[in-house]
Amino acid sequence: MTDLKNDLRISVVAADADFVVIDKPAGLPSAPLKAGDKNNALSQIVETFPSAAGFYGKKRIEGGLVHRLDTATRGILLAALTQSAFENFEAQQKNGSFVKYYCAYCAASSFSPAKTLPFYIESRFRPYGEGRKKVKPVFEHAGKFDIKKAGTTVYRTEIISVNMLNDDEKDTFVQSGFYDIKKSARVLCRINRGFRHQVRAHLASIGLPVIGDALYNPAYADKPDYRLWFFASALQFNHPVSGKRLCYTLEDMPLPESAESL
């Protein structure tokens, strides 16, 4: 069987002496799982920017990757090219200067907009389901079992906008063979710190499961090969040397005003 990941290539969005920003295609892992693994975004970065592998990041095998995206997610990914730049980006993630934007196309049949936009979803998380492949948001008033199994860090997802799709937009999904789109929406989100599957799990918890999400949208539980309509659409951070505020985006992706202004 052909490994489709071999045919997936990153695109460089921007680069200088301190970092590189790429557009990672859906289906390509962000980082290697073991030594010698070449089918991932970091290995492709290193082909052009060898210094991205020359220091210890979050894990030795992950080199200068500042954050990761789920394999099924297309989007903006950042790698540091020096140890000092990596440490600066780490500090920005802790102080809130590092902002990640997401655009999700969601089934909205079960969504009831009870809050004024923007609003926040906050929870801890615990591994969940067969093989611990999923994560479960653990909210403040969860049961004792979930609270005991959850981590200690509280993660926040800000819902910036929820726009119902018009008939022309929905036709895109109908022609692609997608299900459960009679009532669907484009959702813009923002986070500072991220947990595995955080935004997807938070959206599903409020009745906005992502179209094509085999883990968190029941309509696709037995359809793992469908496209995930979820994009890491923009990234904001301060330059690690000059301090200048920067924003990098995917082409043709809607953005909130806070990102458009940059």
Protein backbone atom coordinates (compact mmCIF):
# COMPACT_ATOMS: atom_id res chain seq x y z
CA MET A 1 0.00 0.00 0.00
CA THR A 2 1.32 3.48 -0.89
CA ASP A 3 2.06 5.74 2.09
CA LEU A 4 0.20 8.93 1.15
CA LYS A 5 2.20 10.92 3.70
CA ASN A 6 5.20 10.56 1.36
CA ASP A 7 3.36 12.74 -1.16
CA LEU A 8 2.51 15.54 1.29
CA ARG A 9 4.83 18.53 1.35
CA ILE A 10 4.98 21.61 3.55
CA SER A 11 5.01 25.16 2.17
CA VAL A 12 7.23 27.81 3.73
CA VAL A 13 5.18 30.89 4.62
CA ALA A 14 7.99 32.97 6.17
CA ALA A 15 11.49 32.52 7.57
CA ASP A 16 14.40 34.45 9.00
CA ALA A 17 17.47 33.63 11.10
CA ASP A 18 15.39 32.84 14.19
CA PHE A 19 12.30 30.93 13.03
CA VAL A 20 10.39 29.42 10.13
CA VAL A 21 6.61 29.43 9.61
CA ILE A 22 5.07 26.74 7.43
CA ASP A 23 1.72 25.63 6.03
CA LYS A 24 1.40 21.99 7.12
CA PRO A 25 -0.91 19.90 4.91
CA ALA A 26 -3.65 17.75 6.39
CA GLY A 27 -2.53 14.14 6.77
CA LEU A 28 1.11 14.92 7.59
CA PRO A 29 2.23 14.48 11.24
CA SER A 30 3.88 17.51 12.82
CA ALA A 31 6.78 15.62 14.42
CA PRO A 32 8.52 12.23 14.21
CA LEU A 33 7.35 9.53 16.59
CA LYS A 34 10.70 7.77 16.62
CA ALA A 35 14.27 8.25 15.39
CA GLY A 36 14.57 7.85 11.63
CA ASP A 37 10.95 8.77 10.93
CA LYS A 38 10.99 11.14 7.92
CA ASN A 39 7.27 11.39 7.11
CA ASN A 40 6.54 14.51 9.14
CA ALA A 41 6.64 18.29 8.94
CA LEU A 42 9.72 18.74 11.13
CA SER A 43 11.85 16.46 8.94
CA GLN A 44 10.85 18.47 5.89
CA ILE A 45 11.71 21.71 7.70
CA VAL A 46 15.15 20.32 8.56
CA GLU A 47 15.84 19.57 4.88
CA THR A 48 15.98 23.34 4.25
CA PHE A 49 16.68 24.64 7.76
CA PRO A 50 19.06 22.11 9.42
CA SER A 51 19.38 24.21 12.58
CA ALA A 52 15.76 23.33 13.46
CA ALA A 53 17.09 19.93 14.61
CA GLY A 54 20.23 21.21 16.29
CA PHE A 55 18.95 21.80 19.80
CA TYR A 56 16.66 20.42 22.47
CA GLY A 57 13.05 21.65 22.29
CA LYS A 58 10.00 20.22 24.06
CA LYS A 59 11.49 16.79 23.31
CA ARG A 60 14.85 16.00 21.74
CA ILE A 61 13.16 14.32 18.79
CA GLU A 62 10.98 17.40 18.17
CA GLY A 63 13.89 19.83 17.75
CA GLY A 64 12.71 23.41 17.34
CA LEU A 65 8.97 22.75 16.95
CA VAL A 66 7.27 25.36 19.11
CA HIS A 67 3.86 23.64 18.97
CA ARG A 68 2.18 20.80 17.10
CA LEU A 69 -0.95 20.33 15.01
CA ASP A 70 -3.05 17.18 14.85
CA THR A 71 -2.11 15.05 11.84
CA ALA A 72 -5.52 15.59 10.22
CA THR A 73 -5.31 19.38 10.60
CA ARG A 74 -3.95 21.70 7.95
CA GLY A 75 -2.47 24.93 9.22
CA ILE A 76 0.20 27.35 10.33
CA LEU A 77 3.08 25.75 12.24
CA LEU A 78 6.11 27.44 13.81
CA ALA A 79 9.62 26.13 14.41
CA ALA A 80 12.48 27.96 16.11
CA LEU A 81 15.92 27.91 14.51
CA THR A 82 17.90 28.84 17.64
CA GLN A 83 17.73 27.80 21.27
CA SER A 84 17.19 31.39 22.41
CA ALA A 85 14.29 31.85 19.98
CA PHE A 86 12.70 28.61 21.20
CA GLU A 87 12.97 29.72 24.82
CA ASN A 88 11.46 33.10 23.92
CA PHE A 89 8.50 31.42 22.21
CA GLU A 90 8.04 29.18 25.24
CA ALA A 91 7.87 32.27 27.47
CA GLN A 92 5.32 33.87 25.11
CA GLN A 93 3.09 30.81 25.38
CA LYS A 94 3.14 31.16 29.14
CA ASN A 95 2.49 34.91 29.25
CA GLY A 96 -0.30 34.92 26.65
CA SER A 97 1.55 36.67 23.80
CA PHE A 98 1.41 33.54 21.62
CA VAL A 99 -2.05 33.33 20.00
CA LYS A 100 -3.37 30.55 17.77
CA TYR A 101 -6.49 31.00 15.62
CA TYR A 102 -8.64 28.21 14.24
CA CYS A 103 -11.38 28.09 11.63
CA ALA A 104 -13.78 25.14 11.99
CA TYR A 105 -16.75 24.12 9.87
CA CYS A 106 -19.19 22.47 12.26
CA ALA A 107 -22.50 20.65 12.37
CA ALA A 108 -24.76 22.98 14.34
CA SER A 109 -28.03 21.06 14.72
CA SER A 110 -27.51 20.75 18.49
CA PHE A 111 -26.07 24.21 19.07
CA SER A 112 -28.08 26.73 21.08
CA PRO A 113 -26.38 30.14 21.17
CA ALA A 114 -27.08 30.99 24.80
CA LYS A 115 -24.11 33.31 25.29
CA THR A 116 -23.05 36.63 23.81
CA LEU A 117 -20.04 36.36 21.53
CA PRO A 118 -17.20 36.13 22.17
CA PHE A 119 -17.35 33.60 25.01
CA TYR A 120 -14.97 31.13 26.61
CA ILE A 121 -14.97 27.39 27.22
CA GLU A 122 -12.68 26.36 30.06
CA SER A 123 -11.88 22.87 31.28
CA ARG A 124 -9.24 20.41 32.29
CA PHE A 125 -8.86 17.27 30.16
CA ARG A 126 -8.47 13.53 30.60
CA PRO A 127 -7.70 10.75 28.10
CA TYR A 128 -10.86 9.01 27.04
CA GLY A 129 -12.22 6.18 24.90
CA GLU A 130 -10.73 3.15 23.21
CA GLY A 131 -6.95 3.31 23.21
CA ARG A 132 -7.16 6.71 24.94
CA LYS A 133 -7.32 8.28 21.47
CA LYS A 134 -9.83 10.92 22.54
CA VAL A 135 -9.80 13.55 25.27
CA LYS A 136 -12.73 14.53 27.43
CA PRO A 137 -13.23 18.07 28.73
CA VAL A 138 -13.59 17.96 32.51
CA PHE A 139 -15.58 20.95 33.68
CA GLU A 140 -15.83 22.46 37.15
CA HIS A 141 -18.94 20.51 38.11
CA ALA A 142 -17.91 17.15 36.61
CA GLY A 143 -18.20 13.88 38.52
CA LYS A 144 -15.57 12.77 41.00
CA PHE A 145 -14.20 10.08 38.66
CA ASP A 146 -13.54 12.53 35.81
CA ILE A 147 -12.03 15.10 38.18
CA LYS A 148 -9.69 12.48 39.63
CA LYS A 149 -8.51 11.37 36.17
CA ALA A 150 -8.07 14.88 34.73
CA GLY A 151 -4.86 16.88 34.60
CA THR A 152 -4.43 19.94 36.76
CA THR A 153 -4.09 22.62 34.04
CA VAL A 154 -7.19 24.51 32.92
CA TYR A 155 -7.30 25.23 29.17
CA ARG A 156 -9.38 27.98 27.57
CA THR A 157 -10.89 28.19 24.08
CA GLU A 158 -12.37 31.53 23.05
CA ILE A 159 -15.27 31.33 20.60
CA ILE A 160 -14.97 34.53 18.57
CA SER A 161 -17.75 34.05 16.02
CA VAL A 162 -20.34 31.50 14.89
CA ASN A 163 -21.76 32.13 11.40
CA MET A 164 -24.36 29.84 9.88
CA LEU A 165 -23.47 28.72 6.35
CA ASN A 166 -25.61 29.83 3.43
CA ASP A 167 -26.92 27.42 0.80
CA ASP A 168 -23.98 27.94 -1.57
CA GLU A 169 -21.47 27.20 1.18
CA LYS A 170 -23.36 24.08 2.26
CA ASP A 171 -23.36 22.81 -1.33
CA THR A 172 -19.57 22.42 -1.01
CA PHE A 173 -20.09 19.79 1.65
CA VAL A 174 -23.03 18.10 -0.09
CA GLN A 175 -20.96 17.63 -3.27
CA SER A 176 -18.17 16.15 -1.16
CA GLY A 177 -20.51 13.54 0.32
CA PHE A 178 -20.58 14.92 3.85
CA TYR A 179 -23.35 14.21 6.32
CA ASP A 180 -25.24 16.17 8.96
CA ILE A 181 -24.95 19.59 7.34
CA LYS A 182 -28.59 20.74 7.23
CA LYS A 183 -27.61 23.26 9.89
CA SER A 184 -23.90 24.03 9.79
CA ALA A 185 -21.66 26.89 10.83
CA ARG A 186 -18.23 28.42 10.37
CA VAL A 187 -16.66 28.98 13.78
CA LEU A 188 -13.62 31.11 14.56
CA CYS A 189 -11.71 30.29 17.75
CA ARG A 190 -8.62 31.47 19.58
CA ILE A 191 -6.34 29.88 22.19
CA ASN A 192 -3.05 30.73 23.89
CA ARG A 193 -2.00 27.39 25.32
CA GLY A 194 -3.16 24.16 23.75
CA PHE A 195 -3.92 20.58 24.75
CA ARG A 196 -4.30 17.65 22.36
CA HIS A 197 -7.60 17.99 20.46
CA GLN A 198 -8.55 20.89 22.74
CA VAL A 199 -10.54 23.01 20.30
CA ARG A 200 -12.26 20.06 18.61
CA ALA A 201 -13.33 18.58 21.96
CA HIS A 202 -14.47 21.95 23.32
CA LEU A 203 -16.54 22.66 20.19
CA ALA A 204 -18.21 19.24 20.38
CA SER A 205 -19.04 19.85 24.06
CA ILE A 206 -21.25 22.83 23.12
CA GLY A 207 -23.01 21.16 20.19
CA LEU A 208 -20.61 22.20 17.40
CA PRO A 209 -18.76 19.02 16.37
CA VAL A 210 -16.43 19.57 13.42
CA ILE A 211 -17.57 18.20 10.07
CA GLY A 212 -15.54 15.11 9.20
CA ASP A 213 -14.29 14.57 12.78
CA ALA A 214 -14.34 10.81 13.39
CA LEU A 215 -13.42 11.24 17.06
CA TYR A 216 -15.81 13.94 18.25
CA ASN A 217 -18.64 14.00 15.69
CA PRO A 218 -20.84 10.85 15.96
CA ALA A 219 -21.97 11.26 12.34
CA TYR A 220 -18.41 10.35 11.25
CA ALA A 221 -17.51 7.74 13.88
CA ASP A 222 -17.35 5.00 11.23
CA LYS A 223 -15.99 7.27 8.48
CA PRO A 224 -12.37 7.96 9.51
CA ASP A 225 -11.23 8.71 5.95
CA TYR A 226 -13.40 11.81 5.54
CA ARG A 227 -11.70 15.19 5.39
CA LEU A 228 -11.55 17.09 8.67
CA TRP A 229 -12.88 20.62 8.11
CA PHE A 230 -10.67 22.19 10.75
CA PHE A 231 -7.81 24.62 10.08
CA ALA A 232 -5.09 26.29 12.16
CA SER A 233 -5.75 29.50 10.28
CA ALA A 234 -3.40 32.04 11.87
CA LEU A 235 -0.63 32.52 14.39
CA GLN A 236 0.33 35.70 16.29
CA PHE A 237 3.51 36.19 18.28
CA ASN A 238 6.28 38.68 19.00
CA HIS A 239 9.54 38.42 17.09
CA PRO A 240 11.99 36.74 19.50
CA VAL A 241 14.70 39.39 18.88
CA SER A 242 13.06 42.64 17.76
CA GLY A 243 9.81 42.19 19.71
CA LYS A 244 7.75 43.26 16.69
CA ARG A 245 4.21 41.84 16.67
CA LEU A 246 3.76 39.38 13.80
CA CYS A 247 0.81 37.50 12.31
CA TYR A 248 0.92 34.70 9.72
CA THR A 249 -2.19 33.26 8.11
CA LEU A 250 -3.45 30.63 5.71
CA GLU A 251 -4.58 32.07 2.41
CA ASP A 252 -8.33 32.43 1.85
CA MET A 253 -9.18 31.86 5.52
CA PRO A 254 -11.60 34.18 7.34
CA LEU A 255 -9.98 35.98 10.28
CA PRO A 256 -11.24 37.94 13.28
CA GLU A 257 -10.53 41.68 13.37
CA SER A 258 -7.77 41.23 15.96
CA ALA A 259 -5.74 39.21 13.44
CA GLU A 260 -6.72 41.23 10.36
CA SER A 261 -5.32 44.39 11.93
CA LEU A 262 -1.81 42.90 11.76
